[in-house]
Amino acid sequence: MTALFTDSSEHPDRLEGFLAATKSLSWEPKDRFASLDAIHDALNELAQQEVMFYYRARKSQRWVSAATRAGTLLLGSAGLLAPLIAAADPERYRFVGQWGYVFLAGAAAILASNRLFGGTGGHIRYVQAQYELESRLTHMRLEWQEWRATNATVAVESLPIQTAFSIFRKFADSMYELIEDETSSWGKGVTSALEEYAKSLPSGKSSSRRK
């Protein structure tokens, strides 16, 4: 597939590439099949950019998820083991027990960062979004080939152009609906994580002294 869009997939300029690929199409009877194929290819390229965005995002979030989960497990285990080690030989390992709360606090902080930065949750969402978009894109490609096969022997003057555009429009609506849903889910997840983290912090108000 010829690359129409050279900028990053989330950059709005990719829409300019779609416009450039479709604005000069000819709708003369002899050119209609070629023009419809050009729209199909340009729409595919636009969707492929979104697939690549989710693919790169899932790789990034996978690393964040793995690192934060490993850090949580390591510090959490150390925090639980510290008092046990100290109790085994109080005279020799008393100082180890004092670090138990520090390790547990560190584990909690890493776990909170996982949620705040969408580590595990973001990775799951991006994988789901990528596969769902790939599924819808594949379905559209098959539907388009079915349309071409059905109308291969139809006179170009009688081609059901509206049906072809209906296939393209349905896919475009479906693609952006999926992206909007994923973005909404991301926003709700971040907001919820921030609210929970804010509740876990001290209020900052000093307790009133008795007079």
C-alpha atoms as a PDB file:
ATOM      1  CA  MET A   1       0.000   0.000   0.000  1.00  0.00           C
ATOM      2  CA  THR A   2       1.373   3.374  -0.985  1.00  0.00           C
ATOM      3  CA  ALA A   3       2.046   5.589   2.026  1.00  0.00           C
ATOM      4  CA  LEU A   4      -0.111   8.686   1.723  1.00  0.00           C
ATOM      5  CA  PHE A   5       0.621  10.017   5.157  1.00  0.00           C
ATOM      6  CA  THR A   6       4.195  10.510   6.276  1.00  0.00           C
ATOM      7  CA  ASP A   7       3.526  12.229   9.629  1.00  0.00           C
ATOM      8  CA  SER A   8       2.732  10.433  12.860  1.00  0.00           C
ATOM      9  CA  SER A   9      -0.637   8.724  12.893  1.00  0.00           C
ATOM     10  CA  GLU A  10      -2.182  11.027  15.491  1.00  0.00           C
ATOM     11  CA  HIS A  11      -1.295  14.194  13.557  1.00  0.00           C
ATOM     12  CA  PRO A  12      -4.301  15.894  11.870  1.00  0.00           C
ATOM     13  CA  ASP A  13      -2.278  16.248   8.665  1.00  0.00           C
ATOM     14  CA  ARG A  14      -3.188  12.669   7.821  1.00  0.00           C
ATOM     15  CA  LEU A  15      -6.619  14.016   6.858  1.00  0.00           C
ATOM     16  CA  GLU A  16      -4.931  16.284   4.341  1.00  0.00           C
ATOM     17  CA  GLY A  17      -3.440  13.167   2.798  1.00  0.00           C
ATOM     18  CA  PHE A  18      -6.905  11.650   2.492  1.00  0.00           C
ATOM     19  CA  LEU A  19      -8.178  14.817   0.835  1.00  0.00           C
ATOM     20  CA  ALA A  20      -5.246  14.929  -1.579  1.00  0.00           C
ATOM     21  CA  ALA A  21      -5.918  11.322  -2.610  1.00  0.00           C
ATOM     22  CA  THR A  22      -9.620  11.880  -3.292  1.00  0.00           C
ATOM     23  CA  LYS A  23     -10.252  15.469  -4.357  1.00  0.00           C
ATOM     24  CA  SER A  24      -9.305  15.102  -8.046  1.00  0.00           C
ATOM     25  CA  LEU A  25     -11.198  11.919  -8.874  1.00  0.00           C
ATOM     26  CA  SER A  26     -13.045  11.625 -12.167  1.00  0.00           C
ATOM     27  CA  TRP A  27     -16.624  10.376 -12.210  1.00  0.00           C
ATOM     28  CA  GLU A  28     -16.899   9.848 -15.903  1.00  0.00           C
ATOM     29  CA  PRO A  29     -18.385   6.397 -16.594  1.00  0.00           C
ATOM     30  CA  LYS A  30     -15.032   4.929 -17.667  1.00  0.00           C
ATOM     31  CA  ASP A  31     -13.309   6.184 -14.484  1.00  0.00           C
ATOM     32  CA  ARG A  32     -15.873   5.236 -11.856  1.00  0.00           C
ATOM     33  CA  PHE A  33     -14.400   1.900 -10.807  1.00  0.00           C
ATOM     34  CA  ALA A  34     -10.930   3.422 -10.534  1.00  0.00           C
ATOM     35  CA  SER A  35     -12.231   6.393  -8.534  1.00  0.00           C
ATOM     36  CA  LEU A  36     -14.111   4.171  -6.117  1.00  0.00           C
ATOM     37  CA  ASP A  37     -10.997   2.021  -5.673  1.00  0.00           C
ATOM     38  CA  ALA A  38      -9.001   5.182  -4.953  1.00  0.00           C
ATOM     39  CA  ILE A  39     -11.432   6.139  -2.188  1.00  0.00           C
ATOM     40  CA  HIS A  40     -11.231   2.611  -0.808  1.00  0.00           C
ATOM     41  CA  ASP A  41      -7.418   2.708  -0.765  1.00  0.00           C
ATOM     42  CA  ALA A  42      -7.284   6.171   0.814  1.00  0.00           C
ATOM     43  CA  LEU A  43      -9.737   5.107   3.526  1.00  0.00           C
ATOM     44  CA  ASN A  44      -7.666   1.985   4.138  1.00  0.00           C
ATOM     45  CA  GLU A  45      -4.534   4.094   4.523  1.00  0.00           C
ATOM     46  CA  LEU A  46      -6.290   6.404   6.971  1.00  0.00           C
ATOM     47  CA  ALA A  47      -7.461   3.439   9.043  1.00  0.00           C
ATOM     48  CA  GLN A  48      -4.041   1.797   8.871  1.00  0.00           C
ATOM     49  CA  GLN A  49      -2.528   4.875  10.482  1.00  0.00           C
ATOM     50  CA  GLU A  50      -4.880   4.410  13.431  1.00  0.00           C
ATOM     51  CA  VAL A  51      -3.985   0.719  13.680  1.00  0.00           C
ATOM     52  CA  MET A  52      -0.294   1.651  13.805  1.00  0.00           C
ATOM     53  CA  PHE A  53      -0.975   4.252  16.499  1.00  0.00           C
ATOM     54  CA  TYR A  54      -2.577   1.638  18.760  1.00  0.00           C
ATOM     55  CA  TYR A  55       0.187  -0.839  17.966  1.00  0.00           C
ATOM     56  CA  ARG A  56       2.903   1.618  19.033  1.00  0.00           C
ATOM     57  CA  ALA A  57       0.891   2.698  22.073  1.00  0.00           C
ATOM     58  CA  ARG A  58       0.360  -0.869  23.257  1.00  0.00           C
ATOM     59  CA  LYS A  59       4.101  -1.584  23.023  1.00  0.00           C
ATOM     60  CA  SER A  60       4.875   1.491  25.124  1.00  0.00           C
ATOM     61  CA  GLN A  61       2.208   0.713  27.717  1.00  0.00           C
ATOM     62  CA  ARG A  62       3.256  -2.931  27.867  1.00  0.00           C
ATOM     63  CA  TRP A  63       6.684  -1.806  29.083  1.00  0.00           C
ATOM     64  CA  VAL A  64       5.156   0.553  31.668  1.00  0.00           C
ATOM     65  CA  SER A  65       2.791  -2.174  32.842  1.00  0.00           C
ATOM     66  CA  ALA A  66       5.519  -4.794  33.201  1.00  0.00           C
ATOM     67  CA  ALA A  67       7.928  -2.416  34.972  1.00  0.00           C
ATOM     68  CA  THR A  68       5.379  -1.147  37.483  1.00  0.00           C
ATOM     69  CA  ARG A  69       4.009  -4.622  38.226  1.00  0.00           C
ATOM     70  CA  ALA A  70       7.523  -5.941  38.782  1.00  0.00           C
ATOM     71  CA  GLY A  71       8.379  -2.987  41.032  1.00  0.00           C
ATOM     72  CA  THR A  72       5.183  -3.447  43.042  1.00  0.00           C
ATOM     73  CA  LEU A  73       5.867  -7.150  43.515  1.00  0.00           C
ATOM     74  CA  LEU A  74       9.488  -6.566  44.514  1.00  0.00           C
ATOM     75  CA  LEU A  75       8.880  -3.787  47.029  1.00  0.00           C
ATOM     76  CA  GLY A  76       5.666  -5.327  48.344  1.00  0.00           C
ATOM     77  CA  SER A  77       7.408  -8.628  48.998  1.00  0.00           C
ATOM     78  CA  ALA A  78      10.307  -6.830  50.667  1.00  0.00           C
ATOM     79  CA  GLY A  79       7.882  -4.900  52.852  1.00  0.00           C
ATOM     80  CA  LEU A  80       6.177  -8.107  54.001  1.00  0.00           C
ATOM     81  CA  LEU A  81       9.424  -9.979  54.597  1.00  0.00           C
ATOM     82  CA  ALA A  82      11.192  -7.182  56.481  1.00  0.00           C
ATOM     83  CA  PRO A  83       9.372  -7.604  59.849  1.00  0.00           C
ATOM     84  CA  LEU A  84       9.686 -11.399  59.582  1.00  0.00           C
ATOM     85  CA  ILE A  85      13.427 -11.135  59.099  1.00  0.00           C
ATOM     86  CA  ALA A  86      13.676  -8.698  62.011  1.00  0.00           C
ATOM     87  CA  ALA A  87      11.651 -11.013  64.239  1.00  0.00           C
ATOM     88  CA  ALA A  88      13.930 -13.965  63.437  1.00  0.00           C
ATOM     89  CA  ASP A  89      16.904 -12.213  65.049  1.00  0.00           C
ATOM     90  CA  PRO A  90      15.843  -8.931  66.727  1.00  0.00           C
ATOM     91  CA  GLU A  91      19.320  -8.024  67.853  1.00  0.00           C
ATOM     92  CA  ARG A  92      20.968  -8.473  64.478  1.00  0.00           C
ATOM     93  CA  TYR A  93      18.175  -7.462  62.066  1.00  0.00           C
ATOM     94  CA  ARG A  94      16.226  -4.871  64.033  1.00  0.00           C
ATOM     95  CA  PHE A  95      17.016  -2.189  61.441  1.00  0.00           C
ATOM     96  CA  VAL A  96      15.488  -4.335  58.681  1.00  0.00           C
ATOM     97  CA  GLY A  97      12.062  -4.245  60.294  1.00  0.00           C
ATOM     98  CA  GLN A  98      12.075  -0.472  60.233  1.00  0.00           C
ATOM     99  CA  TRP A  99      12.206  -0.527  56.432  1.00  0.00           C
ATOM    100  CA  GLY A 100       9.071  -2.624  56.065  1.00  0.00           C
ATOM    101  CA  TYR A 101       6.697   0.347  55.926  1.00  0.00           C
ATOM    102  CA  VAL A 102       9.010   2.151  53.529  1.00  0.00           C
ATOM    103  CA  PHE A 103       8.982  -0.778  51.107  1.00  0.00           C
ATOM    104  CA  LEU A 104       5.203  -1.108  51.347  1.00  0.00           C
ATOM    105  CA  ALA A 105       4.771   2.618  50.764  1.00  0.00           C
ATOM    106  CA  GLY A 106       7.033   2.367  47.720  1.00  0.00           C
ATOM    107  CA  ALA A 107       4.981  -0.542  46.355  1.00  0.00           C
ATOM    108  CA  ALA A 108       1.780   1.460  46.827  1.00  0.00           C
ATOM    109  CA  ALA A 109       3.327   4.456  45.051  1.00  0.00           C
ATOM    110  CA  ILE A 110       4.385   2.341  42.069  1.00  0.00           C
ATOM    111  CA  LEU A 111       0.946   0.744  41.910  1.00  0.00           C
ATOM    112  CA  ALA A 112      -0.628   4.199  41.924  1.00  0.00           C
ATOM    113  CA  SER A 113       1.669   5.322  39.109  1.00  0.00           C
ATOM    114  CA  ASN A 114       0.566   2.300  37.089  1.00  0.00           C
ATOM    115  CA  ARG A 115      -3.015   3.497  37.299  1.00  0.00           C
ATOM    116  CA  LEU A 116      -2.229   7.187  36.889  1.00  0.00           C
ATOM    117  CA  PHE A 117      -0.207   6.596  33.720  1.00  0.00           C
ATOM    118  CA  GLY A 118      -2.511   3.906  32.381  1.00  0.00           C
ATOM    119  CA  GLY A 119       0.093   1.153  32.421  1.00  0.00           C
ATOM    120  CA  THR A 120      -1.815  -2.119  32.628  1.00  0.00           C
ATOM    121  CA  GLY A 121      -5.235  -0.637  31.875  1.00  0.00           C
ATOM    122  CA  GLY A 122      -3.892   1.315  28.909  1.00  0.00           C
ATOM    123  CA  HIS A 123      -2.145  -1.734  27.490  1.00  0.00           C
ATOM    124  CA  ILE A 124      -5.372  -3.741  27.631  1.00  0.00           C
ATOM    125  CA  ARG A 125      -7.399  -0.941  26.003  1.00  0.00           C
ATOM    126  CA  TYR A 126      -4.887  -0.422  23.202  1.00  0.00           C
ATOM    127  CA  VAL A 127      -4.722  -4.142  22.404  1.00  0.00           C
ATOM    128  CA  GLN A 128      -8.511  -4.352  22.310  1.00  0.00           C
ATOM    129  CA  ALA A 129      -8.808  -1.214  20.173  1.00  0.00           C
ATOM    130  CA  GLN A 130      -6.172  -2.415  17.703  1.00  0.00           C
ATOM    131  CA  TYR A 131      -7.774  -5.828  17.196  1.00  0.00           C
ATOM    132  CA  GLU A 132     -11.272  -4.397  16.973  1.00  0.00           C
ATOM    133  CA  LEU A 133     -10.179  -1.827  14.393  1.00  0.00           C
ATOM    134  CA  GLU A 134      -8.352  -4.505  12.409  1.00  0.00           C
ATOM    135  CA  SER A 135     -11.512  -6.620  12.464  1.00  0.00           C
ATOM    136  CA  ARG A 136     -13.665  -3.767  11.176  1.00  0.00           C
ATOM    137  CA  LEU A 137     -11.103  -2.879   8.525  1.00  0.00           C
ATOM    138  CA  THR A 138     -10.935  -6.462   7.286  1.00  0.00           C
ATOM    139  CA  HIS A 139     -14.735  -6.636   7.181  1.00  0.00           C
ATOM    140  CA  MET A 140     -14.874  -3.462   5.091  1.00  0.00           C
ATOM    141  CA  ARG A 141     -12.274  -4.798   2.656  1.00  0.00           C
ATOM    142  CA  LEU A 142     -14.253  -8.002   2.161  1.00  0.00           C
ATOM    143  CA  GLU A 143     -17.486  -6.070   1.781  1.00  0.00           C
ATOM    144  CA  TRP A 144     -15.854  -3.880  -0.874  1.00  0.00           C
ATOM    145  CA  GLN A 145     -14.574  -6.851  -2.838  1.00  0.00           C
ATOM    146  CA  GLU A 146     -18.027  -8.390  -2.672  1.00  0.00           C
ATOM    147  CA  TRP A 147     -19.480  -5.177  -4.119  1.00  0.00           C
ATOM    148  CA  ARG A 148     -16.938  -5.189  -6.946  1.00  0.00           C
ATOM    149  CA  ALA A 149     -17.576  -8.851  -7.726  1.00  0.00           C
ATOM    150  CA  THR A 150     -21.339  -8.342  -7.712  1.00  0.00           C
ATOM    151  CA  ASN A 151     -21.113  -5.372 -10.071  1.00  0.00           C
ATOM    152  CA  ALA A 152     -18.263  -6.591 -12.275  1.00  0.00           C
ATOM    153  CA  THR A 153     -20.586  -7.142 -15.258  1.00  0.00           C
ATOM    154  CA  VAL A 154     -22.878  -4.164 -14.636  1.00  0.00           C
ATOM    155  CA  ALA A 155     -22.640  -1.331 -17.136  1.00  0.00           C
ATOM    156  CA  VAL A 156     -20.659   1.532 -15.622  1.00  0.00           C
ATOM    157  CA  GLU A 157     -23.571   3.886 -16.245  1.00  0.00           C
ATOM    158  CA  SER A 158     -25.722   1.680 -13.997  1.00  0.00           C
ATOM    159  CA  LEU A 159     -23.276   1.106 -11.146  1.00  0.00           C
ATOM    160  CA  PRO A 160     -24.941   1.495  -7.714  1.00  0.00           C
ATOM    161  CA  ILE A 161     -22.642   4.317  -6.619  1.00  0.00           C
ATOM    162  CA  GLN A 162     -24.715   5.079  -3.534  1.00  0.00           C
ATOM    163  CA  THR A 163     -24.228   1.531  -2.247  1.00  0.00           C
ATOM    164  CA  ALA A 164     -20.453   1.870  -2.636  1.00  0.00           C
ATOM    165  CA  PHE A 165     -20.377   5.142  -0.720  1.00  0.00           C
ATOM    166  CA  SER A 166     -22.607   3.579   1.926  1.00  0.00           C
ATOM    167  CA  ILE A 167     -19.922   0.932   2.541  1.00  0.00           C
ATOM    168  CA  PHE A 168     -17.242   3.595   2.925  1.00  0.00           C
ATOM    169  CA  ARG A 169     -19.355   5.854   5.106  1.00  0.00           C
ATOM    170  CA  LYS A 170     -20.415   3.002   7.388  1.00  0.00           C
ATOM    171  CA  PHE A 171     -16.803   2.011   7.956  1.00  0.00           C
ATOM    172  CA  ALA A 172     -15.656   5.592   8.589  1.00  0.00           C
ATOM    173  CA  ASP A 173     -18.419   6.078  11.161  1.00  0.00           C
ATOM    174  CA  SER A 174     -17.546   2.765  12.798  1.00  0.00           C
ATOM    175  CA  MET A 175     -13.842   3.587  12.929  1.00  0.00           C
ATOM    176  CA  TYR A 176     -14.282   6.955  14.597  1.00  0.00           C
ATOM    177  CA  GLU A 177     -16.922   5.612  16.963  1.00  0.00           C
ATOM    178  CA  LEU A 178     -14.413   3.031  18.167  1.00  0.00           C
ATOM    179  CA  ILE A 179     -11.719   5.699  18.620  1.00  0.00           C
ATOM    180  CA  GLU A 180     -14.105   7.972  20.517  1.00  0.00           C
ATOM    181  CA  ASP A 181     -15.162   5.117  22.820  1.00  0.00           C
ATOM    182  CA  GLU A 182     -11.542   4.193  23.555  1.00  0.00           C
ATOM    183  CA  THR A 183     -10.636   7.827  24.233  1.00  0.00           C
ATOM    184  CA  SER A 184     -13.625   8.202  26.540  1.00  0.00           C
ATOM    185  CA  SER A 185     -12.596   5.059  28.414  1.00  0.00           C
ATOM    186  CA  TRP A 186      -9.060   6.428  28.745  1.00  0.00           C
ATOM    187  CA  GLY A 187     -10.345   9.742  30.099  1.00  0.00           C
ATOM    188  CA  LYS A 188     -12.603   8.075  32.668  1.00  0.00           C
ATOM    189  CA  GLY A 189      -9.777   5.788  33.795  1.00  0.00           C
ATOM    190  CA  VAL A 190      -7.335   8.675  34.305  1.00  0.00           C
ATOM    191  CA  THR A 191      -9.941  10.804  36.100  1.00  0.00           C
ATOM    192  CA  SER A 192     -10.893   7.939  38.398  1.00  0.00           C
ATOM    193  CA  ALA A 193      -7.233   7.201  39.198  1.00  0.00           C
ATOM    194  CA  LEU A 194      -6.556  10.854  39.988  1.00  0.00           C
ATOM    195  CA  GLU A 195      -9.574  11.060  42.269  1.00  0.00           C
ATOM    196  CA  GLU A 196      -8.573   7.919  44.163  1.00  0.00           C
ATOM    197  CA  TYR A 197      -5.002   9.132  44.494  1.00  0.00           C
ATOM    198  CA  ALA A 198      -6.161  12.519  45.775  1.00  0.00           C
ATOM    199  CA  LYS A 199      -8.301  10.808  48.420  1.00  0.00           C
ATOM    200  CA  SER A 200      -5.307   8.776  49.597  1.00  0.00           C
ATOM    201  CA  LEU A 201      -3.234  11.894  50.262  1.00  0.00           C
ATOM    202  CA  PRO A 202      -3.300  13.751  53.596  1.00  0.00           C
ATOM    203  CA  SER A 203      -5.745  16.636  53.606  1.00  0.00           C
ATOM    204  CA  GLY A 204      -3.014  19.101  54.657  1.00  0.00           C
ATOM    205  CA  LYS A 205      -5.208  20.553  57.369  1.00  0.00           C
ATOM    206  CA  SER A 206      -3.552  20.545  60.747  1.00  0.00           C
ATOM    207  CA  SER A 207      -5.686  19.227  63.564  1.00  0.00           C
ATOM    208  CA  SER A 208      -7.046  21.922  65.805  1.00  0.00           C
ATOM    209  CA  ARG A 209      -5.451  22.172  69.197  1.00  0.00           C
ATOM    210  CA  ARG A 210      -7.489  22.009  72.343  1.00  0.00           C
ATOM    211  CA  LYS A 211      -7.589  25.227  74.232  1.00  0.00           C
END
